[in-house]
Protein backbone atom coordinates (compact mmCIF):
# COMPACT_ATOMS: atom_id res chain seq x y z
CA MET A 1 -19.78 -8.35 55.92
CA THR A 2 -18.12 -6.15 59.03
CA SER A 3 -20.52 -8.10 62.37
CA ILE A 4 -21.77 -11.65 63.13
CA GLN A 5 -23.58 -10.17 66.18
CA GLY A 6 -27.42 -10.56 66.41
CA ALA A 7 -27.21 -13.14 63.09
CA THR A 8 -28.25 -16.51 62.61
CA VAL A 9 -26.09 -19.26 62.40
CA THR A 10 -25.94 -23.33 61.33
CA ILE A 11 -23.25 -25.36 62.47
CA THR A 12 -22.90 -28.51 61.02
CA GLY A 13 -21.13 -30.63 62.97
CA GLY A 14 -22.75 -28.78 65.92
CA THR A 15 -21.53 -30.90 68.86
CA GLY A 16 -17.94 -32.31 67.89
CA SER A 17 -14.67 -29.33 68.92
CA PHE A 18 -14.71 -27.86 66.76
CA GLY A 19 -18.69 -27.01 66.88
CA SER A 20 -18.52 -26.81 70.41
CA ILE A 21 -16.33 -24.02 70.81
CA MET A 22 -17.74 -22.15 68.22
CA THR A 23 -21.51 -22.08 69.53
CA GLU A 24 -19.36 -20.88 72.79
CA HIS A 25 -17.89 -18.55 71.12
CA LEU A 26 -20.64 -16.98 69.00
CA LEU A 27 -23.29 -16.96 72.22
CA ALA A 28 -20.54 -14.92 74.03
CA ARG A 29 -20.40 -12.20 70.90
CA GLY A 30 -24.03 -11.58 71.37
CA ILE A 31 -25.09 -13.91 68.57
CA GLY A 32 -28.81 -14.09 68.12
CA GLU A 33 -29.19 -17.33 67.14
CA VAL A 34 -27.32 -20.95 66.83
CA ARG A 35 -28.41 -24.06 65.08
CA ILE A 36 -26.32 -26.91 66.29
CA PHE A 37 -27.16 -29.81 63.22
CA SER A 38 -25.98 -33.14 64.01
CA ARG A 39 -26.88 -36.95 63.70
CA ASP A 40 -26.05 -37.63 68.24
CA GLU A 41 -28.84 -36.79 70.10
CA ALA A 42 -26.98 -37.43 73.03
CA LYS A 43 -24.57 -35.61 72.54
CA GLN A 44 -27.02 -32.87 71.67
CA ASP A 45 -29.08 -33.04 75.08
CA ASP A 46 -25.44 -33.13 77.00
CA MET A 47 -24.69 -29.62 75.28
CA ARG A 48 -27.99 -28.64 75.45
CA ARG A 49 -27.61 -29.28 79.15
CA ARG A 50 -24.36 -27.67 79.68
CA LEU A 51 -24.86 -24.76 77.90
CA SER A 52 -28.39 -23.73 78.84
CA ASP A 53 -29.26 -20.93 76.29
CA SER A 54 -32.11 -20.31 74.68
CA ARG A 55 -29.95 -19.02 71.77
CA LEU A 56 -29.96 -22.87 71.01
CA GLN A 57 -31.80 -24.84 68.55
CA TYR A 58 -31.10 -28.51 68.02
CA PHE A 59 -31.46 -30.02 64.67
CA ILE A 60 -31.29 -33.99 64.49
CA GLY A 61 -30.17 -34.66 61.03
CA ASP A 62 -27.30 -35.82 58.59
CA VAL A 63 -25.42 -33.59 55.88
CA ARG A 64 -26.34 -36.76 53.41
CA ASP A 65 -29.59 -36.00 53.33
CA MET A 66 -30.69 -33.28 51.54
CA ASP A 67 -34.37 -32.49 53.23
CA SER A 68 -32.82 -32.46 57.21
CA VAL A 69 -30.14 -29.96 55.47
CA GLU A 70 -32.44 -27.51 54.02
CA ALA A 71 -34.18 -27.11 57.19
CA ALA A 72 -31.37 -26.58 59.15
CA VAL A 73 -29.34 -23.61 56.80
CA ARG A 74 -33.36 -22.14 55.70
CA GLY A 75 -33.64 -18.46 57.81
CA ALA A 76 -29.66 -18.85 58.60
CA ASP A 77 -27.51 -15.69 57.61
CA PHE A 78 -24.24 -17.76 57.99
CA VAL A 79 -22.83 -21.18 58.29
CA PHE A 80 -19.87 -22.99 58.79
CA HIS A 81 -19.61 -26.84 58.16
CA ALA A 82 -17.69 -28.96 60.33
CA ALA A 83 -19.46 -32.32 59.72
CA ALA A 84 -16.75 -34.39 58.19
CA LEU A 85 -15.24 -38.22 59.21
CA LYS A 86 -11.89 -37.13 60.24
CA GLN A 87 -10.35 -39.94 61.55
CA VAL A 88 -7.34 -41.37 59.02
CA PRO A 89 -8.17 -44.68 59.87
CA SER A 90 -12.11 -45.27 59.36
CA CYS A 91 -11.68 -43.06 55.91
CA GLU A 92 -9.07 -45.85 54.68
CA PHE A 93 -11.11 -49.10 55.58
CA PHE A 94 -14.36 -47.16 54.65
CA PRO A 95 -13.83 -44.45 51.91
CA ASP A 96 -16.85 -44.83 50.45
CA GLN A 97 -18.55 -43.76 53.38
CA ALA A 98 -15.92 -40.71 53.58
CA VAL A 99 -16.79 -39.40 50.09
CA LYS A 100 -20.82 -39.72 51.46
CA THR A 101 -20.14 -37.48 54.22
CA ASN A 102 -16.84 -35.44 52.97
CA VAL A 103 -17.57 -34.94 49.46
CA ARG A 104 -21.58 -35.35 48.73
CA GLY A 105 -21.85 -33.99 52.14
CA SER A 106 -20.23 -30.85 51.49
CA HIS A 107 -22.02 -30.48 48.39
CA ASN A 108 -25.59 -31.05 49.89
CA ILE A 109 -24.41 -27.99 52.01
CA ILE A 110 -23.42 -25.65 49.41
CA GLU A 111 -26.69 -26.34 47.43
CA ALA A 112 -29.27 -25.67 49.81
CA SER A 113 -27.38 -22.82 51.22
CA ALA A 114 -27.52 -20.86 48.28
CA LYS A 115 -30.90 -22.35 47.34
CA VAL A 116 -32.41 -20.67 50.64
CA GLY A 117 -29.94 -17.49 50.63
CA VAL A 118 -27.96 -17.90 53.30
CA ARG A 119 -24.95 -15.20 53.22
CA SER A 120 -21.63 -16.71 53.74
CA VAL A 121 -20.48 -20.38 53.58
CA VAL A 122 -16.86 -21.47 55.60
CA CYS A 123 -16.31 -24.99 55.27
CA LEU A 124 -13.79 -26.90 57.32
CA SER A 125 -10.49 -28.63 55.91
CA THR A 126 -7.49 -29.94 57.03
CA ASP A 127 -3.72 -29.67 55.63
CA LYS A 128 -4.13 -33.26 54.56
CA ALA A 129 -6.01 -32.05 51.35
CA VAL A 130 -2.90 -31.44 50.74
CA TYR A 131 -1.54 -33.91 47.96
CA PRO A 132 -3.07 -35.99 49.92
CA VAL A 133 -2.27 -39.43 50.21
CA ASN A 134 -4.74 -40.91 52.76
CA ALA A 135 -8.70 -41.51 51.73
CA MET A 136 -9.59 -38.73 54.46
CA GLY A 137 -7.46 -35.90 52.96
CA MET A 138 -8.87 -37.31 49.54
CA SER A 139 -11.74 -36.71 50.42
CA LYS A 140 -11.63 -33.04 52.14
CA ALA A 141 -9.38 -32.27 49.07
CA LEU A 142 -12.53 -33.22 46.88
CA MET A 143 -15.13 -30.86 49.18
CA GLU A 144 -12.39 -28.54 48.74
CA LYS A 145 -12.82 -28.49 45.27
CA THR A 146 -16.71 -28.88 45.12
CA ALA A 147 -16.44 -25.68 47.26
CA GLN A 148 -14.11 -23.64 44.77
CA ALA A 149 -16.52 -25.27 41.99
CA PHE A 150 -19.60 -23.89 43.23
CA ALA A 151 -17.85 -20.07 43.29
CA ARG A 152 -16.56 -20.77 40.12
CA ARG A 153 -19.93 -21.45 38.21
CA ASN A 154 -21.92 -19.05 39.92
CA PRO A 155 -19.97 -16.15 40.08
CA THR A 156 -23.14 -13.62 41.04
CA SER A 157 -24.38 -15.93 43.41
CA GLN A 158 -25.30 -14.02 46.49
CA THR A 159 -23.98 -17.28 48.70
CA VAL A 160 -20.41 -16.66 49.43
CA VAL A 161 -18.58 -20.27 49.25
CA SER A 162 -15.01 -19.87 51.50
CA VAL A 163 -12.87 -22.82 52.99
CA THR A 164 -10.13 -22.89 55.53
CA ARG A 165 -7.75 -25.54 55.84
CA TYR A 166 -5.77 -25.85 59.82
CA GLY A 167 -3.24 -27.92 60.97
CA ASN A 168 -4.14 -30.16 64.31
CA VAL A 169 -5.70 -28.80 66.24
CA MET A 170 -4.66 -29.76 70.22
CA TYR A 171 -6.93 -31.03 72.06
CA SER A 172 -9.44 -31.59 69.62
CA ARG A 173 -11.50 -34.51 69.92
CA GLY A 174 -8.93 -37.66 68.84
CA SER A 175 -5.68 -35.71 69.13
CA VAL A 176 -3.58 -37.09 70.31
CA ILE A 177 -2.75 -34.83 73.20
CA PRO A 178 -5.24 -36.46 75.85
CA LEU A 179 -3.80 -39.46 75.03
CA PHE A 180 -0.41 -38.87 76.60
CA ILE A 181 -1.55 -38.01 79.54
CA GLN A 182 -3.77 -40.50 80.10
CA GLN A 183 -1.04 -42.28 79.15
CA LEU A 184 1.19 -40.97 81.33
CA ARG A 185 -1.52 -40.81 84.54
CA GLN A 186 -1.43 -44.54 83.98
CA GLY A 187 2.42 -45.12 83.75
CA GLU A 188 2.22 -45.93 80.13
CA PRO A 189 5.25 -45.08 77.80
CA LEU A 190 4.10 -42.84 74.98
CA THR A 191 3.50 -44.19 71.93
CA LEU A 192 4.96 -41.91 69.18
CA THR A 193 4.37 -43.53 65.55
CA GLU A 194 7.72 -41.91 64.42
CA PRO A 195 9.32 -39.31 66.47
CA SER A 196 10.72 -36.75 64.06
CA MET A 197 7.20 -36.87 62.06
CA THR A 198 6.40 -33.04 62.29
CA ARG A 199 3.01 -31.24 63.19
CA PHE A 200 1.62 -28.06 62.96
CA LEU A 201 0.17 -26.90 66.46
CA MET A 202 -3.29 -24.90 66.52
CA SER A 203 -5.82 -24.17 69.41
CA LEU A 204 -8.87 -24.40 69.05
CA GLU A 205 -9.32 -20.53 69.84
CA GLU A 206 -7.41 -20.00 67.44
CA SER A 207 -9.75 -22.22 64.49
CA VAL A 208 -12.45 -20.00 65.59
CA HIS A 209 -10.62 -16.93 64.81
CA LEU A 210 -9.49 -18.39 60.92
CA VAL A 211 -13.54 -18.65 60.48
CA ASP A 212 -14.01 -15.57 62.03
CA HIS A 213 -11.69 -13.89 59.29
CA ALA A 214 -13.29 -15.98 56.56
CA PHE A 215 -16.99 -15.26 57.38
CA LEU A 216 -16.43 -10.98 57.58
CA HIS A 217 -13.21 -11.32 54.14
CA ALA A 218 -14.01 -13.92 52.33
CA GLU A 219 -14.15 -13.40 48.52
CA PRO A 220 -16.18 -16.63 46.98
CA GLY A 221 -13.70 -19.34 46.71
CA ASP A 222 -11.49 -17.91 48.82
CA LEU A 223 -9.37 -20.21 50.83
CA PHE A 224 -7.43 -19.16 54.42
CA VAL A 225 -5.45 -20.76 56.23
CA ARG A 226 -3.99 -19.91 59.54
CA LYS A 227 0.18 -19.55 60.18
CA ALA A 228 0.77 -21.79 62.70
CA PRO A 229 4.59 -22.91 64.08
CA ALA A 230 4.82 -26.73 64.72
CA ALA A 231 6.72 -29.69 66.34
CA THR A 232 8.63 -32.66 66.31
CA VAL A 233 5.56 -35.53 68.01
CA ASP A 234 8.47 -36.07 70.36
CA THR A 235 8.79 -33.06 71.40
CA LEU A 236 5.29 -32.27 71.69
CA ALA A 237 5.20 -35.94 73.88
CA ARG A 238 7.74 -34.59 76.23
CA ALA A 239 6.47 -31.37 76.61
CA VAL A 240 3.03 -33.04 78.05
CA ALA A 241 5.22 -34.95 80.27
CA SER A 242 7.02 -31.99 80.94
CA LEU A 243 4.42 -30.47 82.04
CA LEU A 244 2.76 -33.32 84.03
CA GLY A 245 6.47 -33.49 86.70
CA ASP A 246 7.78 -35.78 84.17
CA ASP A 247 11.21 -34.59 81.95
CA ASP A 248 11.88 -37.99 81.18
CA PRO A 249 9.16 -39.83 79.70
CA ASP A 250 9.30 -44.08 78.85
CA ILE A 251 8.80 -43.09 74.88
CA ARG A 252 7.92 -46.54 72.39
CA VAL A 253 8.51 -45.77 69.23
CA ILE A 254 5.33 -48.01 67.53
CA GLY A 255 5.95 -47.04 63.47
CA THR A 256 4.19 -45.41 61.05
CA ARG A 257 0.58 -45.74 60.32
CA HIS A 258 -1.01 -46.79 57.30
CA GLY A 259 -1.92 -43.33 55.68
CA GLU A 260 0.55 -41.08 56.99
CA LYS A 261 2.64 -38.85 56.29
CA LEU A 262 6.47 -37.67 57.87
CA HIS A 263 5.31 -33.49 57.37
CA GLU A 264 1.71 -31.96 57.35
CA THR A 265 1.54 -29.07 53.85
CA LEU A 266 -0.78 -26.84 54.95
CA LEU A 267 -0.46 -24.43 51.23
CA SER A 268 1.13 -26.05 48.30
CA ARG A 269 3.74 -24.78 46.02
CA GLU A 270 1.01 -23.73 43.26
CA GLU A 271 -0.89 -22.43 46.00
CA MET A 272 2.01 -20.19 47.99
CA VAL A 273 2.66 -18.57 44.67
CA THR A 274 -0.88 -17.24 44.56
CA ALA A 275 -1.16 -16.71 48.62
CA GLU A 276 -1.86 -12.39 50.05
CA ASP A 277 -0.28 -12.36 53.22
CA GLN A 278 -2.98 -11.16 55.73
CA ALA A 279 -0.42 -11.57 58.70
CA GLN A 280 -1.82 -13.83 60.42
CA TYR A 281 -3.30 -15.82 58.21
CA PHE A 282 -2.65 -16.64 53.89
CA ARG A 283 -5.77 -16.21 51.77
CA VAL A 284 -5.42 -17.58 48.95
CA PRO A 285 -8.07 -16.57 45.78
CA LEU A 286 -9.99 -18.35 43.16
CA ASP A 287 -8.91 -19.79 40.08
CA ALA A 288 -11.43 -18.17 38.65
CA ARG A 289 -10.14 -19.75 34.30
CA SER A 290 -12.99 -21.07 32.71
CA LEU A 291 -12.98 -24.71 30.78
CA GLU A 292 -10.23 -22.84 28.37
CA TYR A 293 -7.22 -25.48 28.28
CA GLU A 294 -4.76 -23.07 26.88
CA LEU A 295 -5.04 -21.13 29.70
CA TYR A 296 -3.59 -24.79 31.57
CA PHE A 297 -1.64 -25.80 28.68
CA GLU A 298 -0.15 -22.92 26.56
CA GLU A 299 0.70 -20.41 29.69
CA GLY A 300 2.37 -21.56 32.38
CA GLU A 301 3.53 -19.84 35.65
CA ARG A 302 7.40 -19.96 35.97
CA ARG A 303 7.51 -18.66 39.88
CA ILE A 304 5.90 -21.87 41.13
CA ALA A 305 9.31 -23.81 40.49
CA ARG A 306 11.06 -20.83 42.63
CA THR A 307 9.01 -21.32 45.62
CA GLU A 308 8.20 -23.30 48.66
CA ASP A 309 5.03 -25.04 50.37
CA PHE A 310 4.11 -24.00 53.19
CA THR A 311 4.75 -27.56 55.53
CA SER A 312 5.23 -28.24 59.40
CA GLU A 313 8.78 -28.94 58.12
CA ASN A 314 9.92 -25.31 57.19
CA THR A 315 7.75 -23.02 59.27
CA ALA A 316 8.88 -21.86 62.82
CA ARG A 317 9.93 -25.42 64.94
CA LEU A 318 9.62 -25.32 68.84
CA THR A 319 11.76 -26.08 71.31
CA VAL A 320 10.33 -27.94 74.30
CA GLU A 321 10.04 -25.33 76.88
CA GLU A 322 8.55 -23.40 73.95
CA THR A 323 5.74 -26.02 72.99
CA LYS A 324 5.33 -25.77 76.96
CA GLU A 325 4.51 -22.06 76.62
CA LEU A 326 2.06 -22.59 73.97
CA LEU A 327 0.27 -25.82 75.41
CA MET A 328 -0.04 -23.31 78.99
CA GLN A 329 -2.70 -21.30 76.78
CA LEU A 330 -4.90 -24.73 76.29
CA PRO A 331 -7.82 -24.54 79.15
CA GLU A 332 -8.09 -28.17 79.49
CA ILE A 333 -4.34 -28.14 80.14
CA GLN A 334 -5.06 -24.92 82.84
CA THR A 335 -7.76 -27.03 84.43
CA LEU A 336 -5.24 -30.17 84.87
CA LEU A 337 -2.58 -28.27 86.31
CA ALA A 338 -4.52 -26.61 88.28
CA LYS A 339 -6.39 -29.30 89.97
CA ALA A 340 -2.89 -31.06 90.39
CA ILE A 341 -1.67 -27.88 92.35
CA ALA A 342 -4.67 -28.68 94.38
């Protein structure tokens, strides 16, 4: 596949942070039609008014409901599956709901897309799916396994199913940067769970490019990761404060939340052994072994012991000034600073 120009794309969770930026990106690239599939009619109406583009079509439905899924993907060339329960605390309290949306819902998207002949399905995952310690990460890990199992079981399918895994996306809905800005504006201390905690930093635009890369280059069952730098939460907080004119912010440590990791992992060492370096990205091909148990128990992989995970602790670590430079690339920050100057 060399282009998605003129194609029809369905975006599940299309009114969310990822879906919205992906929609704008596709419209700017000459897409034929974008179908927004989500549950929230109010958000769809807001998007309809804001973008006002005849190439946008809106589908009310839920990934848990196969009938509504089939209606949204029938006739689509590509499907970008971003719908999910993403908040760690809510998934901790309601893990059954995380499974229904993130696992069963993803299964519905994949099966329906294959049934109607979609060319490519890209499923959005998260670093929390690697060595998961919380329900959100566990459900996302099972989503990845669901996608890979389809590719393994259906090697001749015309529908290519792949996965993109990302770290923290700056200024996405529910991210910490808007919270820091709100606290600074209200004269409140910046609340950090643990200052030494590290997180990958990636912009929404970079996440879109990762999906583009998967749409155009994926083989069945591929996993793609964008190489990303990281910063400690303390560095990120100080960088945000400095951009708003406070180089010595009041910081209050509130303690690590339930289900929260000190460092995040984008690729496990087992995945790094087979990963292909594609400049800005890592591609991990599908482990297409059959259910021949000797391949799992009698033929080991010695390189695993000599390989490191790809984590927010051992990737490039940003200073406060470097983090500020990265933040300055975000449209939201540029707008915020322009208003402050005006």
